[in-house]
Amino acid sequence: MAYSGDTGPTPALAELGRDADLFIVEATDHDGETSRPSRNLMTSTEAGLWAHRAGARRLMLAHFWPGNDRAAAVVAAQAEFEDAVLAAQEGLTVMLGTSAN
């Protein structure tokens, strides 16, 4: 398992999540974030991209901006990451080392 929170896009994410069974990545989708010169938040699409580059088996999106649509975030991440994408939510249990949730 690998976890990244409040991290802008960086190649270090590919190493952090390398071959992780579950890569938990923040997907804040904060308006205007992608146009900032210095970033510490990512979009759901970027989370999917870095999970793909890491070769992770599953991606869990976390750290949603208040009011964001988690189902839409999952769809956006799936544009870059073709394996399982989950949205973090209170009470969610995920088994590691299996494909079962």
N, C-alpha and C. Protein backbone atom coordinates (compact mmCIF):
# COMPACT_ATOMS: atom_id res chain seq x y z
N MET A 1 0.85 -1.17 0.00
CA MET A 1 0.00 0.00 0.00
C MET A 1 0.89 1.23 0.00
N ALA A 2 0.49 2.22 -0.76
CA ALA A 2 1.19 3.51 -0.80
C ALA A 2 0.15 4.61 -0.66
N TYR A 3 0.56 5.73 -0.05
CA TYR A 3 -0.37 6.83 0.20
C TYR A 3 0.31 8.15 -0.12
N SER A 4 -0.42 9.01 -0.80
CA SER A 4 0.05 10.35 -1.08
C SER A 4 -1.07 11.33 -0.80
N GLY A 5 -0.80 12.33 0.00
CA GLY A 5 -1.79 13.35 0.29
C GLY A 5 -1.21 14.73 0.10
N ASP A 6 -2.01 15.67 -0.40
CA ASP A 6 -1.59 17.05 -0.63
C ASP A 6 -0.27 17.11 -1.38
N THR A 7 -0.24 16.44 -2.52
CA THR A 7 0.97 16.36 -3.33
C THR A 7 0.62 16.79 -4.75
N GLY A 8 1.28 17.79 -5.24
CA GLY A 8 1.09 18.15 -6.64
C GLY A 8 1.71 17.09 -7.54
N PRO A 9 1.43 17.16 -8.82
CA PRO A 9 1.98 16.19 -9.76
C PRO A 9 3.51 16.20 -9.72
N THR A 10 4.11 15.03 -9.58
CA THR A 10 5.56 14.89 -9.54
C THR A 10 5.94 13.46 -9.92
N PRO A 11 7.03 13.29 -10.66
CA PRO A 11 7.47 11.94 -11.00
C PRO A 11 7.74 11.05 -9.79
N ALA A 12 7.96 11.64 -8.63
CA ALA A 12 8.19 10.85 -7.42
C ALA A 12 6.98 9.97 -7.09
N LEU A 13 5.79 10.36 -7.56
CA LEU A 13 4.60 9.56 -7.29
C LEU A 13 4.68 8.19 -7.95
N ALA A 14 5.28 8.12 -9.12
CA ALA A 14 5.42 6.84 -9.81
C ALA A 14 6.29 5.90 -8.99
N GLU A 15 7.31 6.43 -8.35
CA GLU A 15 8.17 5.59 -7.50
C GLU A 15 7.47 5.24 -6.19
N LEU A 16 6.79 6.20 -5.61
CA LEU A 16 6.09 5.96 -4.35
C LEU A 16 5.08 4.82 -4.49
N GLY A 17 4.33 4.83 -5.57
CA GLY A 17 3.27 3.83 -5.75
C GLY A 17 3.68 2.62 -6.55
N ARG A 18 4.98 2.49 -6.86
CA ARG A 18 5.45 1.41 -7.73
C ARG A 18 4.92 0.06 -7.29
N ASP A 19 4.13 -0.57 -8.18
CA ASP A 19 3.60 -1.92 -7.99
C ASP A 19 2.77 -2.10 -6.72
N ALA A 20 2.24 -1.02 -6.18
CA ALA A 20 1.42 -1.11 -4.96
C ALA A 20 0.12 -1.86 -5.26
N ASP A 21 -0.32 -2.66 -4.31
CA ASP A 21 -1.62 -3.30 -4.43
C ASP A 21 -2.71 -2.24 -4.38
N LEU A 22 -2.53 -1.26 -3.51
CA LEU A 22 -3.49 -0.16 -3.37
C LEU A 22 -2.71 1.14 -3.26
N PHE A 23 -2.94 2.06 -4.18
CA PHE A 23 -2.30 3.37 -4.16
C PHE A 23 -3.38 4.38 -3.83
N ILE A 24 -3.27 5.00 -2.67
CA ILE A 24 -4.24 6.01 -2.22
C ILE A 24 -3.67 7.37 -2.58
N VAL A 25 -4.40 8.10 -3.42
CA VAL A 25 -3.90 9.38 -3.95
C VAL A 25 -4.99 10.43 -3.79
N GLU A 26 -4.59 11.60 -3.34
CA GLU A 26 -5.56 12.68 -3.22
C GLU A 26 -6.04 13.12 -4.59
N ALA A 27 -7.31 13.42 -4.66
CA ALA A 27 -7.96 13.83 -5.90
C ALA A 27 -8.89 14.99 -5.58
N THR A 28 -8.28 16.10 -5.23
CA THR A 28 -9.03 17.22 -4.69
C THR A 28 -9.92 17.89 -5.72
N ASP A 29 -9.49 17.96 -6.98
CA ASP A 29 -10.28 18.60 -8.03
C ASP A 29 -10.74 20.01 -7.62
N HIS A 30 -9.81 20.78 -7.09
CA HIS A 30 -10.12 22.15 -6.68
C HIS A 30 -10.04 23.08 -7.88
N ASP A 31 -11.10 23.86 -8.12
CA ASP A 31 -11.14 24.78 -9.25
C ASP A 31 -9.91 25.69 -9.26
N GLY A 32 -9.29 25.83 -10.42
CA GLY A 32 -8.14 26.71 -10.59
C GLY A 32 -6.81 26.12 -10.19
N GLU A 33 -6.81 24.95 -9.58
CA GLU A 33 -5.56 24.38 -9.07
C GLU A 33 -4.56 24.10 -10.19
N THR A 34 -5.03 23.64 -11.34
CA THR A 34 -4.10 23.28 -12.41
C THR A 34 -3.40 24.49 -13.03
N SER A 35 -3.90 25.70 -12.80
CA SER A 35 -3.27 26.89 -13.36
C SER A 35 -2.32 27.58 -12.38
N ARG A 36 -2.18 27.05 -11.18
CA ARG A 36 -1.28 27.64 -10.19
C ARG A 36 0.17 27.31 -10.54
N PRO A 37 1.09 28.24 -10.33
CA PRO A 37 2.49 27.96 -10.65
C PRO A 37 3.13 26.93 -9.72
N SER A 38 2.70 26.88 -8.49
CA SER A 38 3.20 25.90 -7.52
C SER A 38 1.98 25.16 -6.97
N ARG A 39 1.99 23.83 -7.11
CA ARG A 39 0.80 23.07 -6.76
C ARG A 39 1.07 22.07 -5.65
N ASN A 40 0.06 21.89 -4.80
CA ASN A 40 0.13 20.83 -3.79
C ASN A 40 -1.15 20.00 -3.76
N LEU A 41 -1.98 20.12 -4.81
CA LEU A 41 -3.19 19.33 -4.94
C LEU A 41 -3.27 18.78 -6.36
N MET A 42 -3.99 17.67 -6.53
CA MET A 42 -4.12 17.08 -7.85
C MET A 42 -5.57 16.88 -8.23
N THR A 43 -5.76 16.63 -9.52
CA THR A 43 -7.08 16.29 -10.03
C THR A 43 -7.24 14.77 -10.02
N SER A 44 -8.45 14.32 -10.18
CA SER A 44 -8.71 12.88 -10.25
C SER A 44 -8.03 12.27 -11.48
N THR A 45 -8.05 13.00 -12.58
CA THR A 45 -7.39 12.51 -13.80
C THR A 45 -5.89 12.34 -13.56
N GLU A 46 -5.27 13.31 -12.89
CA GLU A 46 -3.85 13.20 -12.57
C GLU A 46 -3.58 12.03 -11.63
N ALA A 47 -4.46 11.81 -10.67
CA ALA A 47 -4.30 10.66 -9.77
C ALA A 47 -4.29 9.37 -10.57
N GLY A 48 -5.19 9.27 -11.54
CA GLY A 48 -5.22 8.09 -12.40
C GLY A 48 -3.96 7.93 -13.21
N LEU A 49 -3.45 9.03 -13.72
CA LEU A 49 -2.22 9.01 -14.51
C LEU A 49 -1.04 8.50 -13.69
N TRP A 50 -0.89 9.01 -12.47
CA TRP A 50 0.25 8.59 -11.64
C TRP A 50 0.09 7.17 -11.15
N ALA A 51 -1.12 6.73 -10.90
CA ALA A 51 -1.33 5.32 -10.52
C ALA A 51 -0.96 4.41 -11.69
N HIS A 52 -1.31 4.83 -12.90
CA HIS A 52 -0.94 4.07 -14.10
C HIS A 52 0.57 4.01 -14.25
N ARG A 53 1.24 5.15 -14.14
CA ARG A 53 2.70 5.20 -14.28
C ARG A 53 3.40 4.38 -13.20
N ALA A 54 2.77 4.28 -12.03
CA ALA A 54 3.35 3.50 -10.93
C ALA A 54 3.16 2.00 -11.13
N GLY A 55 2.23 1.63 -11.98
CA GLY A 55 1.93 0.20 -12.14
C GLY A 55 1.16 -0.36 -10.96
N ALA A 56 0.41 0.52 -10.28
CA ALA A 56 -0.40 0.07 -9.14
C ALA A 56 -1.51 -0.84 -9.63
N ARG A 57 -1.97 -1.72 -8.76
CA ARG A 57 -3.05 -2.63 -9.12
C ARG A 57 -4.43 -2.00 -8.90
N ARG A 58 -4.55 -1.17 -7.86
CA ARG A 58 -5.81 -0.48 -7.58
C ARG A 58 -5.50 0.94 -7.13
N LEU A 59 -6.44 1.83 -7.40
CA LEU A 59 -6.32 3.23 -7.02
C LEU A 59 -7.49 3.59 -6.13
N MET A 60 -7.20 4.24 -5.01
CA MET A 60 -8.25 4.81 -4.18
C MET A 60 -8.07 6.32 -4.17
N LEU A 61 -9.10 7.03 -4.59
CA LEU A 61 -9.09 8.48 -4.57
C LEU A 61 -9.50 8.96 -3.18
N ALA A 62 -8.80 9.96 -2.68
CA ALA A 62 -9.07 10.48 -1.34
C ALA A 62 -8.93 12.00 -1.35
N HIS A 63 -9.25 12.62 -0.24
CA HIS A 63 -9.08 14.05 -0.01
C HIS A 63 -9.89 14.88 -1.01
N PHE A 64 -11.17 14.59 -1.07
CA PHE A 64 -12.06 15.29 -1.99
C PHE A 64 -12.37 16.69 -1.48
N TRP A 65 -12.48 17.64 -2.42
CA TRP A 65 -12.90 18.99 -2.07
C TRP A 65 -14.37 18.92 -1.67
N PRO A 66 -14.80 19.66 -0.64
CA PRO A 66 -16.20 19.61 -0.22
C PRO A 66 -17.15 19.87 -1.39
N GLY A 67 -18.14 19.01 -1.53
CA GLY A 67 -19.14 19.15 -2.56
C GLY A 67 -18.79 18.49 -3.88
N ASN A 68 -17.56 17.98 -4.01
CA ASN A 68 -17.19 17.31 -5.26
C ASN A 68 -17.95 16.00 -5.42
N ASP A 69 -18.25 15.65 -6.64
CA ASP A 69 -18.95 14.42 -6.99
C ASP A 69 -17.95 13.28 -7.07
N ARG A 70 -18.01 12.38 -6.11
CA ARG A 70 -17.03 11.28 -6.06
C ARG A 70 -17.19 10.32 -7.23
N ALA A 71 -18.41 10.09 -7.68
CA ALA A 71 -18.61 9.20 -8.82
C ALA A 71 -17.96 9.81 -10.07
N ALA A 72 -18.08 11.12 -10.25
CA ALA A 72 -17.45 11.79 -11.39
C ALA A 72 -15.92 11.73 -11.27
N ALA A 73 -15.42 11.81 -10.04
CA ALA A 73 -13.97 11.72 -9.82
C ALA A 73 -13.46 10.34 -10.24
N VAL A 74 -14.21 9.30 -9.91
CA VAL A 74 -13.82 7.94 -10.30
C VAL A 74 -13.78 7.82 -11.82
N VAL A 75 -14.79 8.33 -12.49
CA VAL A 75 -14.84 8.28 -13.95
C VAL A 75 -13.64 9.03 -14.54
N ALA A 76 -13.31 10.19 -14.00
CA ALA A 76 -12.17 10.97 -14.50
C ALA A 76 -10.86 10.20 -14.32
N ALA A 77 -10.68 9.56 -13.18
CA ALA A 77 -9.46 8.78 -12.93
C ALA A 77 -9.37 7.58 -13.88
N GLN A 78 -10.51 6.98 -14.18
CA GLN A 78 -10.53 5.82 -15.07
C GLN A 78 -10.11 6.17 -16.50
N ALA A 79 -10.12 7.44 -16.86
CA ALA A 79 -9.64 7.85 -18.18
C ALA A 79 -8.14 7.58 -18.32
N GLU A 80 -7.43 7.54 -17.19
CA GLU A 80 -5.98 7.31 -17.20
C GLU A 80 -5.57 5.98 -16.56
N PHE A 81 -6.45 5.42 -15.75
CA PHE A 81 -6.12 4.19 -15.01
C PHE A 81 -7.22 3.17 -15.27
N GLU A 82 -6.89 2.11 -15.96
CA GLU A 82 -7.90 1.15 -16.41
C GLU A 82 -8.25 0.08 -15.38
N ASP A 83 -7.48 -0.02 -14.31
CA ASP A 83 -7.78 -1.02 -13.28
C ASP A 83 -8.80 -0.43 -12.29
N ALA A 84 -9.02 -1.12 -11.19
CA ALA A 84 -10.04 -0.71 -10.22
C ALA A 84 -9.75 0.66 -9.61
N VAL A 85 -10.77 1.51 -9.61
CA VAL A 85 -10.69 2.83 -8.97
C VAL A 85 -11.78 2.90 -7.92
N LEU A 86 -11.39 3.20 -6.70
CA LEU A 86 -12.33 3.33 -5.58
C LEU A 86 -12.33 4.78 -5.10
N ALA A 87 -13.42 5.21 -4.52
CA ALA A 87 -13.50 6.51 -3.86
C ALA A 87 -13.51 6.27 -2.36
N ALA A 88 -12.59 6.90 -1.66
CA ALA A 88 -12.55 6.77 -0.20
C ALA A 88 -13.86 7.27 0.39
N GLN A 89 -14.33 6.56 1.38
CA GLN A 89 -15.53 6.99 2.09
C GLN A 89 -15.49 6.42 3.49
N GLU A 90 -16.16 7.07 4.39
CA GLU A 90 -16.18 6.65 5.78
C GLU A 90 -16.69 5.21 5.89
N GLY A 91 -15.95 4.39 6.62
CA GLY A 91 -16.36 3.02 6.87
C GLY A 91 -15.94 2.03 5.80
N LEU A 92 -15.33 2.49 4.72
CA LEU A 92 -14.90 1.59 3.65
C LEU A 92 -13.74 0.70 4.13
N THR A 93 -13.85 -0.58 3.90
CA THR A 93 -12.80 -1.54 4.22
C THR A 93 -12.31 -2.15 2.93
N VAL A 94 -11.01 -2.18 2.75
CA VAL A 94 -10.40 -2.75 1.55
C VAL A 94 -9.39 -3.80 1.98
N MET A 95 -9.53 -4.98 1.42
CA MET A 95 -8.58 -6.06 1.69
C MET A 95 -7.35 -5.85 0.81
N LEU A 96 -6.19 -5.97 1.39
CA LEU A 96 -4.94 -5.86 0.62
C LEU A 96 -4.53 -7.24 0.14
N GLY A 97 -3.88 -7.26 -1.01
CA GLY A 97 -3.40 -8.53 -1.55
C GLY A 97 -4.46 -9.34 -2.26
N THR A 98 -5.65 -8.75 -2.45
CA THR A 98 -6.74 -9.40 -3.17
C THR A 98 -7.41 -8.36 -4.05
N SER A 99 -8.26 -8.77 -4.91
CA SER A 99 -9.02 -7.81 -5.71
C SER A 99 -10.39 -7.55 -5.11
N ALA A 100 -10.68 -8.18 -3.97
CA ALA A 100 -11.98 -7.99 -3.30
C ALA A 100 -11.98 -6.71 -2.49
N ASN A 101 -13.13 -6.05 -2.38
CA ASN A 101 -13.27 -4.85 -1.56
C ASN A 101 -14.00 -5.20 -0.29
